[in-house]
Amino acid sequence: MKCHPVKAVLFDLDGTLVDTAPDFLWALNAIQTERNLPPLTEQQMRSSVSNGSAGLVEGALGIPQDSPEFEQTRHRLLNLYFEIIGRYAALYPGLDSLLEFFATRGIAWGISTNKPSLYTHALLDAMNLNNPPATVVCPDQVTHPKPHPEPLLLNAKHLGLQPKQIVFVGDHIRDIQAGRHAGMRTVAAAWGYIDTIKDTQSWGATAICAQSDQLKSLLEDWI
């Protein structure tokens, strides 16, 4: 059966479109300094980044969610992160040219993220992209965040497109679940905040892309 040509591409934000780990690492290590503890390495915290501030406090800083310190530390982390948001973050390799390619081909693009609007828009403002997203959906705009399809369906509504005309790219199983349930083609971003490419093989994505600079060639076959 012939697939409908792709008219838009949506991205998860952290770990898919933008490597935000360096910003979070700076904030985490500021807390480590305050606690008189040694600095963390990026490897120690990368697998926790996709689970937001709660995942970082628990997974990287080792403070359980039932600890009296947990909420205070989480708020401190978010405040520190917001102070320097976008300072060290960067698009993954090849994605800047991919966004330029979208502009030349008339392909819309957007973001569907579980990162709250305050931080999402501050990050995008700091990055000052030449080809900004046509749609951005954050969890505070919907009733049910990913893995529910509601955010992606709102993206589709913003774009005036049917889900079957859209591809969603993400580095977490919840991204692929959301995309599948929305009726979109999906790409598992194996370059993201996961341990190995094997982690992506059971997600049921339409395709798996090992490196961000390989995504353009994959998408060209669908456009």
N, C-alpha and C. Protein backbone atom coordinates (compact mmCIF):
# COMPACT_ATOMS: atom_id res chain seq x y z
N MET A 1 0.85 -1.19 0.00
CA MET A 1 0.00 0.00 0.00
C MET A 1 0.89 1.24 0.00
N LYS A 2 0.58 2.17 -0.88
CA LYS A 2 1.39 3.38 -1.01
C LYS A 2 1.13 4.31 0.17
N CYS A 3 2.20 4.82 0.77
CA CYS A 3 2.09 5.75 1.89
C CYS A 3 1.82 7.16 1.37
N HIS A 4 1.11 7.93 2.16
CA HIS A 4 0.89 9.33 1.82
C HIS A 4 2.20 10.09 1.96
N PRO A 5 2.48 11.03 1.05
CA PRO A 5 3.71 11.82 1.19
C PRO A 5 3.71 12.60 2.50
N VAL A 6 4.87 12.74 3.07
CA VAL A 6 5.00 13.48 4.32
C VAL A 6 4.91 14.97 4.04
N LYS A 7 4.07 15.66 4.80
CA LYS A 7 3.92 17.11 4.69
C LYS A 7 4.49 17.85 5.89
N ALA A 8 4.77 17.11 6.98
CA ALA A 8 5.31 17.75 8.18
C ALA A 8 6.06 16.72 9.01
N VAL A 9 7.01 17.21 9.78
CA VAL A 9 7.79 16.37 10.69
C VAL A 9 7.75 17.01 12.07
N LEU A 10 7.38 16.21 13.06
CA LEU A 10 7.36 16.66 14.45
C LEU A 10 8.50 16.00 15.20
N PHE A 11 9.05 16.73 16.16
CA PHE A 11 10.15 16.23 16.98
C PHE A 11 9.79 16.32 18.46
N ASP A 12 10.20 15.31 19.21
CA ASP A 12 10.35 15.51 20.64
C ASP A 12 11.49 16.52 20.80
N LEU A 13 11.57 17.17 21.96
CA LEU A 13 12.56 18.24 22.12
C LEU A 13 13.87 17.74 22.72
N ASP A 14 13.87 17.46 24.01
CA ASP A 14 15.09 17.04 24.71
C ASP A 14 15.52 15.65 24.25
N GLY A 15 16.74 15.54 23.76
CA GLY A 15 17.27 14.24 23.38
C GLY A 15 16.92 13.81 21.98
N THR A 16 16.12 14.62 21.27
CA THR A 16 15.76 14.29 19.89
C THR A 16 16.16 15.43 18.96
N LEU A 17 15.59 16.60 19.19
CA LEU A 17 15.95 17.77 18.39
C LEU A 17 17.16 18.48 18.99
N VAL A 18 17.15 18.66 20.30
CA VAL A 18 18.18 19.44 20.99
C VAL A 18 18.85 18.60 22.07
N ASP A 19 20.16 18.68 22.11
CA ASP A 19 20.91 18.06 23.20
C ASP A 19 20.95 19.05 24.36
N THR A 20 20.04 18.87 25.30
CA THR A 20 19.94 19.78 26.45
C THR A 20 20.71 19.25 27.65
N ALA A 21 21.31 18.07 27.52
CA ALA A 21 22.03 17.48 28.65
C ALA A 21 23.10 18.41 29.22
N PRO A 22 23.88 19.13 28.39
CA PRO A 22 24.91 20.01 28.98
C PRO A 22 24.35 21.09 29.90
N ASP A 23 23.17 21.64 29.56
CA ASP A 23 22.54 22.63 30.44
C ASP A 23 22.16 21.99 31.77
N PHE A 24 21.54 20.83 31.69
CA PHE A 24 21.12 20.15 32.92
C PHE A 24 22.33 19.73 33.74
N LEU A 25 23.40 19.31 33.07
CA LEU A 25 24.59 18.89 33.80
C LEU A 25 25.17 20.06 34.60
N TRP A 26 25.19 21.24 34.00
CA TRP A 26 25.67 22.43 34.72
C TRP A 26 24.84 22.66 35.97
N ALA A 27 23.50 22.60 35.85
CA ALA A 27 22.62 22.84 36.99
C ALA A 27 22.78 21.76 38.06
N LEU A 28 22.88 20.51 37.63
CA LEU A 28 23.08 19.41 38.58
C LEU A 28 24.39 19.58 39.35
N ASN A 29 25.43 19.96 38.65
CA ASN A 29 26.72 20.09 39.31
C ASN A 29 26.79 21.32 40.21
N ALA A 30 25.98 22.34 39.92
CA ALA A 30 25.88 23.45 40.86
C ALA A 30 25.29 22.96 42.18
N ILE A 31 24.31 22.06 42.10
CA ILE A 31 23.73 21.48 43.31
C ILE A 31 24.74 20.57 43.99
N GLN A 32 25.47 19.79 43.22
CA GLN A 32 26.49 18.92 43.80
C GLN A 32 27.52 19.76 44.59
N THR A 33 27.89 20.90 44.04
CA THR A 33 28.82 21.79 44.73
C THR A 33 28.22 22.29 46.04
N GLU A 34 26.93 22.66 45.99
CA GLU A 34 26.25 23.13 47.20
C GLU A 34 26.18 22.03 48.27
N ARG A 35 26.14 20.78 47.80
CA ARG A 35 26.05 19.65 48.74
C ARG A 35 27.43 19.10 49.12
N ASN A 36 28.47 19.78 48.65
CA ASN A 36 29.85 19.33 48.90
C ASN A 36 30.09 17.90 48.40
N LEU A 37 29.54 17.63 47.22
CA LEU A 37 29.70 16.33 46.59
C LEU A 37 30.45 16.49 45.27
N PRO A 38 31.11 15.43 44.79
CA PRO A 38 31.87 15.54 43.54
C PRO A 38 30.95 15.74 42.34
N PRO A 39 31.45 16.36 41.28
CA PRO A 39 30.62 16.59 40.09
C PRO A 39 30.22 15.29 39.40
N LEU A 40 29.09 15.35 38.73
CA LEU A 40 28.60 14.22 37.94
C LEU A 40 29.17 14.32 36.53
N THR A 41 29.29 13.18 35.87
CA THR A 41 29.64 13.17 34.46
C THR A 41 28.36 13.16 33.64
N GLU A 42 28.48 13.51 32.37
CA GLU A 42 27.29 13.49 31.50
C GLU A 42 26.71 12.09 31.41
N GLN A 43 27.56 11.08 31.38
CA GLN A 43 27.09 9.70 31.29
C GLN A 43 26.24 9.32 32.50
N GLN A 44 26.57 9.86 33.66
CA GLN A 44 25.82 9.53 34.88
C GLN A 44 24.41 10.08 34.88
N MET A 45 24.16 11.12 34.07
CA MET A 45 22.85 11.73 34.12
C MET A 45 22.04 11.61 32.83
N ARG A 46 22.65 11.18 31.73
CA ARG A 46 21.96 11.19 30.44
C ARG A 46 20.68 10.36 30.42
N SER A 47 20.71 9.18 31.02
CA SER A 47 19.52 8.32 30.96
C SER A 47 18.37 8.86 31.78
N SER A 48 18.63 9.85 32.64
CA SER A 48 17.58 10.43 33.47
C SER A 48 16.94 11.67 32.84
N VAL A 49 17.59 12.24 31.83
CA VAL A 49 17.13 13.52 31.27
C VAL A 49 15.73 13.41 30.70
N SER A 50 15.41 12.31 30.02
CA SER A 50 14.10 12.16 29.39
C SER A 50 12.96 12.10 30.40
N ASN A 51 13.27 11.87 31.66
CA ASN A 51 12.23 11.77 32.70
C ASN A 51 12.06 13.06 33.47
N GLY A 52 12.58 14.17 32.92
CA GLY A 52 12.33 15.48 33.50
C GLY A 52 13.05 15.73 34.80
N SER A 53 12.65 16.81 35.46
CA SER A 53 13.34 17.22 36.68
C SER A 53 13.24 16.17 37.78
N ALA A 54 12.09 15.51 37.89
CA ALA A 54 11.93 14.47 38.92
C ALA A 54 12.89 13.32 38.67
N GLY A 55 13.04 12.93 37.40
CA GLY A 55 13.95 11.85 37.06
C GLY A 55 15.39 12.21 37.33
N LEU A 56 15.74 13.47 37.11
CA LEU A 56 17.11 13.91 37.37
C LEU A 56 17.43 13.95 38.85
N VAL A 57 16.50 14.44 39.64
CA VAL A 57 16.73 14.51 41.09
C VAL A 57 16.87 13.11 41.67
N GLU A 58 16.00 12.21 41.21
CA GLU A 58 16.04 10.85 41.73
C GLU A 58 17.17 10.04 41.10
N GLY A 59 17.27 10.09 39.77
CA GLY A 59 18.23 9.23 39.08
C GLY A 59 19.65 9.72 39.12
N ALA A 60 19.85 11.04 38.96
CA ALA A 60 21.21 11.58 38.91
C ALA A 60 21.72 12.03 40.28
N LEU A 61 20.84 12.69 41.05
CA LEU A 61 21.27 13.17 42.37
C LEU A 61 21.05 12.14 43.47
N GLY A 62 20.28 11.09 43.16
CA GLY A 62 20.08 10.01 44.12
C GLY A 62 19.19 10.35 45.29
N ILE A 63 18.25 11.30 45.09
CA ILE A 63 17.32 11.68 46.15
C ILE A 63 15.95 11.08 45.83
N PRO A 64 15.47 10.11 46.60
CA PRO A 64 14.19 9.47 46.29
C PRO A 64 13.02 10.44 46.43
N GLN A 65 11.94 10.13 45.70
CA GLN A 65 10.80 11.05 45.68
C GLN A 65 10.08 11.16 47.01
N ASP A 66 10.26 10.19 47.90
CA ASP A 66 9.62 10.28 49.21
C ASP A 66 10.50 10.97 50.25
N SER A 67 11.64 11.49 49.80
CA SER A 67 12.55 12.19 50.72
C SER A 67 12.06 13.62 50.97
N PRO A 68 12.24 14.13 52.19
CA PRO A 68 11.87 15.52 52.47
C PRO A 68 12.64 16.53 51.62
N GLU A 69 13.81 16.12 51.13
CA GLU A 69 14.64 17.01 50.31
C GLU A 69 14.18 17.09 48.86
N PHE A 70 13.34 16.15 48.46
CA PHE A 70 13.09 15.97 47.02
C PHE A 70 12.54 17.23 46.35
N GLU A 71 11.41 17.75 46.81
CA GLU A 71 10.77 18.89 46.14
C GLU A 71 11.63 20.14 46.20
N GLN A 72 12.26 20.38 47.33
CA GLN A 72 13.13 21.54 47.46
C GLN A 72 14.28 21.47 46.45
N THR A 73 14.86 20.27 46.32
CA THR A 73 15.97 20.10 45.38
C THR A 73 15.49 20.21 43.94
N ARG A 74 14.32 19.68 43.66
CA ARG A 74 13.77 19.76 42.29
C ARG A 74 13.55 21.22 41.90
N HIS A 75 12.99 22.01 42.80
CA HIS A 75 12.77 23.43 42.49
C HIS A 75 14.09 24.17 42.33
N ARG A 76 15.08 23.83 43.14
CA ARG A 76 16.39 24.44 43.01
C ARG A 76 17.00 24.11 41.66
N LEU A 77 16.88 22.85 41.25
CA LEU A 77 17.39 22.42 39.95
C LEU A 77 16.74 23.21 38.82
N LEU A 78 15.42 23.34 38.87
CA LEU A 78 14.70 24.05 37.80
C LEU A 78 15.09 25.53 37.76
N ASN A 79 15.27 26.13 38.92
CA ASN A 79 15.67 27.54 38.96
C ASN A 79 17.07 27.74 38.36
N LEU A 80 17.98 26.85 38.73
CA LEU A 80 19.33 26.93 38.17
C LEU A 80 19.32 26.70 36.66
N TYR A 81 18.55 25.71 36.23
CA TYR A 81 18.45 25.40 34.81
C TYR A 81 17.90 26.59 34.03
N PHE A 82 16.86 27.23 34.57
CA PHE A 82 16.24 28.35 33.88
C PHE A 82 17.20 29.53 33.74
N GLU A 83 18.08 29.69 34.70
CA GLU A 83 19.06 30.79 34.67
C GLU A 83 19.99 30.70 33.46
N ILE A 84 20.30 29.47 33.03
CA ILE A 84 21.29 29.32 31.95
C ILE A 84 20.71 28.58 30.75
N ILE A 85 19.41 28.47 30.68
CA ILE A 85 18.77 27.65 29.63
C ILE A 85 19.25 28.07 28.24
N GLY A 86 19.68 27.10 27.47
CA GLY A 86 20.16 27.33 26.11
C GLY A 86 21.61 27.72 26.00
N ARG A 87 22.30 27.93 27.12
CA ARG A 87 23.70 28.37 27.06
C ARG A 87 24.60 27.30 26.46
N TYR A 88 24.36 26.06 26.82
CA TYR A 88 25.21 24.97 26.35
C TYR A 88 24.47 24.01 25.41
N ALA A 89 23.16 24.12 25.34
CA ALA A 89 22.35 23.23 24.50
C ALA A 89 22.62 23.51 23.02
N ALA A 90 22.41 22.50 22.19
CA ALA A 90 22.63 22.65 20.74
C ALA A 90 21.80 21.65 19.98
N LEU A 91 21.43 22.01 18.75
CA LEU A 91 20.81 21.04 17.85
C LEU A 91 21.77 19.87 17.65
N TYR A 92 21.21 18.68 17.50
CA TYR A 92 22.05 17.53 17.19
C TYR A 92 22.65 17.68 15.79
N PRO A 93 23.78 17.06 15.53
CA PRO A 93 24.46 17.19 14.23
C PRO A 93 23.52 16.86 13.07
N GLY A 94 23.57 17.70 12.07
CA GLY A 94 22.78 17.49 10.85
C GLY A 94 21.37 18.04 10.90
N LEU A 95 20.87 18.38 12.07
CA LEU A 95 19.48 18.82 12.16
C LEU A 95 19.29 20.27 11.74
N ASP A 96 20.32 21.09 11.87
CA ASP A 96 20.23 22.46 11.38
C ASP A 96 20.03 22.45 9.87
N SER A 97 20.81 21.64 9.17
CA SER A 97 20.66 21.56 7.71
C SER A 97 19.35 20.88 7.33
N LEU A 98 18.87 19.97 8.18
CA LEU A 98 17.58 19.33 7.92
C LEU A 98 16.45 20.36 7.99
N LEU A 99 16.49 21.25 8.95
CA LEU A 99 15.45 22.29 9.05
C LEU A 99 15.50 23.23 7.85
N GLU A 100 16.71 23.50 7.36
CA GLU A 100 16.85 24.31 6.15
C GLU A 100 16.26 23.58 4.95
N PHE A 101 16.50 22.27 4.89
CA PHE A 101 15.93 21.44 3.82
C PHE A 101 14.40 21.50 3.84
N PHE A 102 13.83 21.43 5.04
CA PHE A 102 12.37 21.53 5.16
C PHE A 102 11.88 22.84 4.55
N ALA A 103 12.58 23.92 4.83
CA ALA A 103 12.16 25.23 4.32
C ALA A 103 12.18 25.26 2.80
N THR A 104 13.19 24.65 2.19
CA THR A 104 13.29 24.66 0.73
C THR A 104 12.25 23.76 0.08
N ARG A 105 11.81 22.73 0.80
CA ARG A 105 10.84 21.78 0.24
C ARG A 105 9.40 22.05 0.68
N GLY A 106 9.20 23.08 1.47
CA GLY A 106 7.84 23.39 1.93
C GLY A 106 7.29 22.40 2.93
N ILE A 107 8.18 21.77 3.68
CA ILE A 107 7.77 20.82 4.72
C ILE A 107 7.70 21.56 6.05
N ALA A 108 6.53 21.52 6.67
CA ALA A 108 6.38 22.15 7.97
C ALA A 108 7.04 21.27 9.04
N TRP A 109 7.43 21.89 10.14
CA TRP A 109 7.96 21.09 11.23
C TRP A 109 7.51 21.69 12.56
N GLY A 110 7.55 20.84 13.58
CA GLY A 110 7.10 21.32 14.88
C GLY A 110 7.64 20.46 16.00
N ILE A 111 7.19 20.77 17.20
CA ILE A 111 7.68 20.12 18.41
C ILE A 111 6.51 19.64 19.25
N SER A 112 6.62 18.42 19.74
CA SER A 112 5.67 17.89 20.73
C SER A 112 6.50 17.38 21.90
N THR A 113 6.38 18.04 23.03
CA THR A 113 7.27 17.76 24.15
C THR A 113 6.51 17.66 25.46
N ASN A 114 7.07 16.93 26.40
CA ASN A 114 6.55 16.90 27.76
C ASN A 114 7.27 17.92 28.66
N LYS A 115 8.05 18.78 28.04
CA LYS A 115 8.72 19.88 28.76
C LYS A 115 7.72 21.03 28.89
N PRO A 116 7.51 21.57 30.09
CA PRO A 116 6.53 22.66 30.26
C PRO A 116 6.82 23.86 29.37
N SER A 117 5.77 24.60 29.04
CA SER A 117 5.87 25.73 28.11
C SER A 117 6.91 26.75 28.53
N LEU A 118 6.99 27.06 29.82
CA LEU A 118 7.94 28.06 30.31
C LEU A 118 9.35 27.75 29.85
N TYR A 119 9.76 26.50 30.01
CA TYR A 119 11.13 26.10 29.67
C TYR A 119 11.28 25.86 28.17
N THR A 120 10.26 25.32 27.54
CA THR A 120 10.32 25.06 26.10
C THR A 120 10.53 26.35 25.33
N HIS A 121 9.71 27.35 25.59
CA HIS A 121 9.80 28.60 24.82
C HIS A 121 11.04 29.40 25.18
N ALA A 122 11.49 29.31 26.43
CA ALA A 122 12.74 29.97 26.80
C ALA A 122 13.92 29.35 26.06
N LEU A 123 13.92 28.03 25.94
CA LEU A 123 14.98 27.34 25.20
C LEU A 123 14.95 27.71 23.73
N LEU A 124 13.77 27.70 23.12
CA LEU A 124 13.67 28.03 21.69
C LEU A 124 14.06 29.47 21.43
N ASP A 125 13.70 30.37 22.34
CA ASP A 125 14.11 31.78 22.19
C ASP A 125 15.63 31.90 22.24
N ALA A 126 16.24 31.15 23.16
CA ALA A 126 17.70 31.21 23.30
C ALA A 126 18.40 30.65 22.06
N MET A 127 17.78 29.66 21.41
CA MET A 127 18.41 29.02 20.26
C MET A 127 18.25 29.84 18.98
N ASN A 128 17.19 30.66 18.92
CA ASN A 128 17.01 31.59 17.79
C ASN A 128 17.17 30.89 16.44
N LEU A 129 16.36 29.86 16.21
CA LEU A 129 16.46 29.06 14.99
C LEU A 129 16.09 29.87 13.75
N ASN A 130 16.82 29.66 12.66
CA ASN A 130 16.53 30.36 11.41
C ASN A 130 15.17 29.97 10.84
N ASN A 131 14.81 28.71 11.00
CA ASN A 131 13.52 28.22 10.53
C ASN A 131 12.75 27.74 11.76
N PRO A 132 12.01 28.64 12.42
CA PRO A 132 11.34 28.26 13.68
C PRO A 132 10.20 27.28 13.45
N PRO A 133 9.80 26.55 14.49
CA PRO A 133 8.72 25.57 14.35
C PRO A 133 7.38 26.22 14.07
N ALA A 134 6.58 25.54 13.26
CA ALA A 134 5.24 26.02 12.93
C ALA A 134 4.22 25.66 14.01
N THR A 135 4.56 24.70 14.85
CA THR A 135 3.68 24.29 15.94
C THR A 135 4.52 23.77 17.09
N VAL A 136 4.16 24.17 18.30
CA VAL A 136 4.82 23.68 19.52
C VAL A 136 3.73 23.33 20.51
N VAL A 137 3.71 22.09 20.96
CA VAL A 137 2.72 21.64 21.94
C VAL A 137 3.45 21.12 23.17
N CYS A 138 3.08 21.67 24.32
CA CYS A 138 3.66 21.31 25.61
C CYS A 138 2.58 20.67 26.49
N PRO A 139 2.97 20.01 27.58
CA PRO A 139 1.98 19.27 28.36
C PRO A 139 0.92 20.14 29.02
N ASP A 140 1.25 21.42 29.29
CA ASP A 140 0.26 22.30 29.91
C ASP A 140 -0.79 22.80 28.94
N GLN A 141 -0.69 22.40 27.67
CA GLN A 141 -1.69 22.76 26.67
C GLN A 141 -2.71 21.66 26.44
N VAL A 142 -2.51 20.51 27.04
CA VAL A 142 -3.39 19.36 26.79
C VAL A 142 -3.84 18.74 28.11
N THR A 143 -4.83 17.89 28.02
CA THR A 143 -5.30 17.16 29.20
C THR A 143 -4.42 15.95 29.47
N HIS A 144 -4.00 15.30 28.39
CA HIS A 144 -3.21 14.07 28.52
C HIS A 144 -1.90 14.23 27.75
N PRO A 145 -0.74 14.25 28.43
CA PRO A 145 0.54 14.34 27.73
C PRO A 145 0.93 13.00 27.10
N LYS A 146 2.00 13.02 26.32
CA LYS A 146 2.52 11.76 25.79
C LYS A 146 2.81 10.80 26.94
N PRO A 147 2.48 9.52 26.78
CA PRO A 147 2.27 8.76 25.54
C PRO A 147 0.87 8.82 24.94
N HIS A 148 -0.01 9.62 25.51
CA HIS A 148 -1.33 9.80 24.90
C HIS A 148 -1.15 10.55 23.57
N PRO A 149 -1.97 10.26 22.56
CA PRO A 149 -1.81 10.93 21.27
C PRO A 149 -2.32 12.37 21.23
N GLU A 150 -2.99 12.83 22.30
CA GLU A 150 -3.61 14.16 22.26
C GLU A 150 -2.65 15.28 21.84
N PRO A 151 -1.40 15.34 22.38
CA PRO A 151 -0.51 16.43 21.95
C PRO A 151 -0.22 16.41 20.45
N LEU A 152 -0.01 15.23 19.90
CA LEU A 152 0.30 15.14 18.47
C LEU A 152 -0.90 15.48 17.60
N LEU A 153 -2.07 15.13 18.07
CA LEU A 153 -3.27 15.49 17.32
C LEU A 153 -3.50 17.00 17.35
N LEU A 154 -3.08 17.65 18.45
CA LEU A 154 -3.16 19.11 18.50
C LEU A 154 -2.16 19.73 17.55
N ASN A 155 -0.94 19.16 17.48
CA ASN A 155 0.03 19.61 16.47
C ASN A 155 -0.56 19.52 15.07
N ALA A 156 -1.18 18.39 14.77
CA ALA A 156 -1.78 18.18 13.44
C ALA A 156 -2.86 19.23 13.16
N LYS A 157 -3.65 19.53 14.18
CA LYS A 157 -4.70 20.55 14.02
C LYS A 157 -4.08 21.91 13.73
N HIS A 158 -3.00 22.26 14.46
CA HIS A 158 -2.31 23.52 14.20
C HIS A 158 -1.83 23.60 12.75
N LEU A 159 -1.36 22.48 12.23
CA LEU A 159 -0.78 22.44 10.89
C LEU A 159 -1.83 22.30 9.80
N GLY A 160 -3.05 21.94 10.19
CA GLY A 160 -4.09 21.70 9.20
C GLY A 160 -3.85 20.47 8.36
N LEU A 161 -3.22 19.46 8.97
CA LEU A 161 -2.87 18.24 8.26
C LEU A 161 -3.50 17.03 8.93
N GLN A 162 -3.61 15.94 8.17
CA GLN A 162 -4.04 14.67 8.72
C GLN A 162 -2.83 13.96 9.34
N PRO A 163 -3.04 13.20 10.40
CA PRO A 163 -1.91 12.48 11.03
C PRO A 163 -1.10 11.64 10.06
N LYS A 164 -1.76 11.04 9.06
CA LYS A 164 -1.04 10.18 8.13
C LYS A 164 -0.06 10.95 7.23
N GLN A 165 -0.15 12.28 7.27
CA GLN A 165 0.77 13.12 6.49
C GLN A 165 1.97 13.58 7.32
N ILE A 166 2.05 13.12 8.56
CA ILE A 166 3.05 13.61 9.51
C ILE A 166 3.93 12.47 10.03
N VAL A 167 5.19 12.78 10.25
CA VAL A 167 6.13 11.86 10.90
C VAL A 167 6.49 12.44 12.26
N PHE A 168 6.55 11.58 13.27
CA PHE A 168 6.99 12.01 14.59
C PHE A 168 8.28 11.30 14.96
N VAL A 169 9.27 12.08 15.38
CA VAL A 169 10.59 11.57 15.73
C VAL A 169 10.80 11.74 17.23
N GLY A 170 11.16 10.65 17.93
CA GLY A 170 11.35 10.76 19.38
C GLY A 170 12.33 9.73 19.91
N ASP A 171 12.88 10.03 21.09
CA ASP A 171 13.92 9.16 21.67
C ASP A 171 13.43 8.37 22.87
N HIS A 172 12.11 8.26 23.04
CA HIS A 172 11.56 7.53 24.18
C HIS A 172 10.39 6.69 23.69
N ILE A 173 10.14 5.56 24.36
CA ILE A 173 9.03 4.70 23.94
C ILE A 173 7.70 5.44 23.98
N ARG A 174 7.56 6.40 24.92
CA ARG A 174 6.29 7.13 24.98
C ARG A 174 6.06 7.97 23.72
N ASP A 175 7.15 8.43 23.08
CA ASP A 175 7.02 9.18 21.83
C ASP A 175 6.47 8.28 20.73
N ILE A 176 7.02 7.09 20.64
CA ILE A 176 6.58 6.15 19.59
C ILE A 176 5.15 5.70 19.85
N GLN A 177 4.81 5.45 21.09
CA GLN A 177 3.43 5.07 21.43
C GLN A 177 2.47 6.18 21.05
N ALA A 178 2.82 7.41 21.38
CA ALA A 178 1.95 8.54 21.06
C ALA A 178 1.77 8.68 19.55
N GLY A 179 2.88 8.58 18.82
CA GLY A 179 2.81 8.71 17.37
C GLY A 179 1.99 7.61 16.73
N ARG A 180 2.18 6.38 17.17
CA ARG A 180 1.42 5.26 16.61
C ARG A 180 -0.07 5.44 16.88
N HIS A 181 -0.41 5.80 18.11
CA HIS A 181 -1.82 5.95 18.46
C HIS A 181 -2.46 7.15 17.76
N ALA A 182 -1.64 8.12 17.37
CA ALA A 182 -2.16 9.27 16.63
C ALA A 182 -2.33 8.95 15.15
N GLY A 183 -1.77 7.83 14.68
CA GLY A 183 -1.86 7.46 13.28
C GLY A 183 -0.76 8.06 12.42
N MET A 184 0.38 8.37 13.05
CA MET A 184 1.52 8.93 12.32
C MET A 184 2.60 7.88 12.12
N ARG A 185 3.43 8.09 11.10
CA ARG A 185 4.65 7.32 11.01
C ARG A 185 5.61 7.81 12.08
N THR A 186 6.43 6.92 12.59
CA THR A 186 7.31 7.27 13.70
C THR A 186 8.76 6.86 13.40
N VAL A 187 9.67 7.65 13.94
CA VAL A 187 11.10 7.34 13.86
C VAL A 187 11.67 7.35 15.27
N ALA A 188 12.29 6.25 15.67
CA ALA A 188 12.96 6.18 16.95
C ALA A 188 14.35 6.80 16.81
N ALA A 189 14.58 7.84 17.60
CA ALA A 189 15.86 8.56 17.54
C ALA A 189 16.86 7.87 18.45
N ALA A 190 17.64 6.95 17.88
CA ALA A 190 18.57 6.16 18.67
C ALA A 190 19.79 6.95 19.13
N TRP A 191 19.91 8.19 18.64
CA TRP A 191 21.01 9.05 19.09
C TRP A 191 20.66 9.74 20.41
N GLY A 192 19.43 9.60 20.89
CA GLY A 192 18.96 10.37 22.03
C GLY A 192 19.39 9.83 23.37
N TYR A 193 18.59 10.13 24.38
CA TYR A 193 18.95 9.78 25.76
C TYR A 193 18.52 8.36 26.10
N ILE A 194 19.15 7.42 25.40
CA ILE A 194 18.91 6.00 25.63
C ILE A 194 20.27 5.32 25.82
N ASP A 195 20.26 4.12 26.34
CA ASP A 195 21.53 3.43 26.60
C ASP A 195 22.12 2.82 25.33
N THR A 196 21.30 2.08 24.57
CA THR A 196 21.79 1.47 23.33
C THR A 196 20.68 1.46 22.30
N ILE A 197 21.07 1.26 21.04
CA ILE A 197 20.09 1.21 19.95
C ILE A 197 19.12 0.04 20.15
N LYS A 198 19.57 -1.00 20.87
CA LYS A 198 18.70 -2.15 21.12
C LYS A 198 17.45 -1.75 21.89
N ASP A 199 17.55 -0.68 22.69
CA ASP A 199 16.40 -0.23 23.46
C ASP A 199 15.24 0.18 22.56
N THR A 200 15.55 0.60 21.33
CA THR A 200 14.52 1.11 20.44
C THR A 200 13.82 0.01 19.64
N GLN A 201 14.40 -1.17 19.61
CA GLN A 201 13.93 -2.19 18.67
C GLN A 201 12.58 -2.80 19.04
N SER A 202 12.19 -2.67 20.29
CA SER A 202 10.90 -3.22 20.72
C SER A 202 9.80 -2.17 20.78
N TRP A 203 10.10 -0.95 20.35
CA TRP A 203 9.12 0.13 20.49
C TRP A 203 8.04 0.11 19.41
N GLY A 204 8.31 -0.55 18.30
CA GLY A 204 7.31 -0.60 17.22
C GLY A 204 7.32 0.62 16.33
N ALA A 205 8.45 1.31 16.24
CA ALA A 205 8.55 2.48 15.38
C ALA A 205 8.55 2.07 13.91
N THR A 206 8.11 2.97 13.05
CA THR A 206 8.15 2.72 11.61
C THR A 206 9.59 2.53 11.15
N ALA A 207 10.50 3.30 11.73
CA ALA A 207 11.92 3.21 11.39
C ALA A 207 12.75 3.60 12.60
N ILE A 208 14.00 3.14 12.60
CA ILE A 208 14.97 3.52 13.64
C ILE A 208 16.11 4.23 12.94
N CYS A 209 16.51 5.38 13.48
CA CYS A 209 17.62 6.12 12.92
C CYS A 209 18.73 6.18 13.95
N ALA A 210 19.91 5.67 13.58
CA ALA A 210 21.01 5.54 14.54
C ALA A 210 21.65 6.88 14.85
N GLN A 211 21.81 7.73 13.85
CA GLN A 211 22.50 9.01 14.03
C GLN A 211 21.66 10.15 13.49
N SER A 212 21.72 11.28 14.16
CA SER A 212 20.89 12.42 13.75
C SER A 212 21.22 12.91 12.35
N ASP A 213 22.48 12.79 11.94
CA ASP A 213 22.83 13.26 10.60
C ASP A 213 22.41 12.29 9.50
N GLN A 214 21.79 11.17 9.88
CA GLN A 214 21.25 10.23 8.90
C GLN A 214 19.74 10.41 8.69
N LEU A 215 19.14 11.28 9.50
CA LEU A 215 17.67 11.42 9.45
C LEU A 215 17.20 12.00 8.12
N LYS A 216 17.94 12.93 7.56
CA LYS A 216 17.53 13.56 6.29
C LYS A 216 17.36 12.51 5.20
N SER A 217 18.33 11.61 5.06
CA SER A 217 18.24 10.61 3.99
C SER A 217 17.07 9.67 4.21
N LEU A 218 16.75 9.38 5.46
CA LEU A 218 15.60 8.52 5.75
C LEU A 218 14.30 9.22 5.36
N LEU A 219 14.17 10.48 5.75
CA LEU A 219 12.94 11.22 5.48
C LEU A 219 12.74 11.53 4.00
N GLU A 220 13.83 11.69 3.26
CA GLU A 220 13.72 12.00 1.84
C GLU A 220 12.93 10.93 1.09
N ASP A 221 13.00 9.71 1.53
CA ASP A 221 12.26 8.63 0.87
C ASP A 221 10.75 8.75 1.11
N TRP A 222 10.35 9.51 2.12
CA TRP A 222 8.93 9.64 2.47
C TRP A 222 8.31 10.94 1.99
N ILE A 223 9.16 11.89 1.61
CA ILE A 223 8.66 13.22 1.22
C ILE A 223 8.30 13.26 -0.27
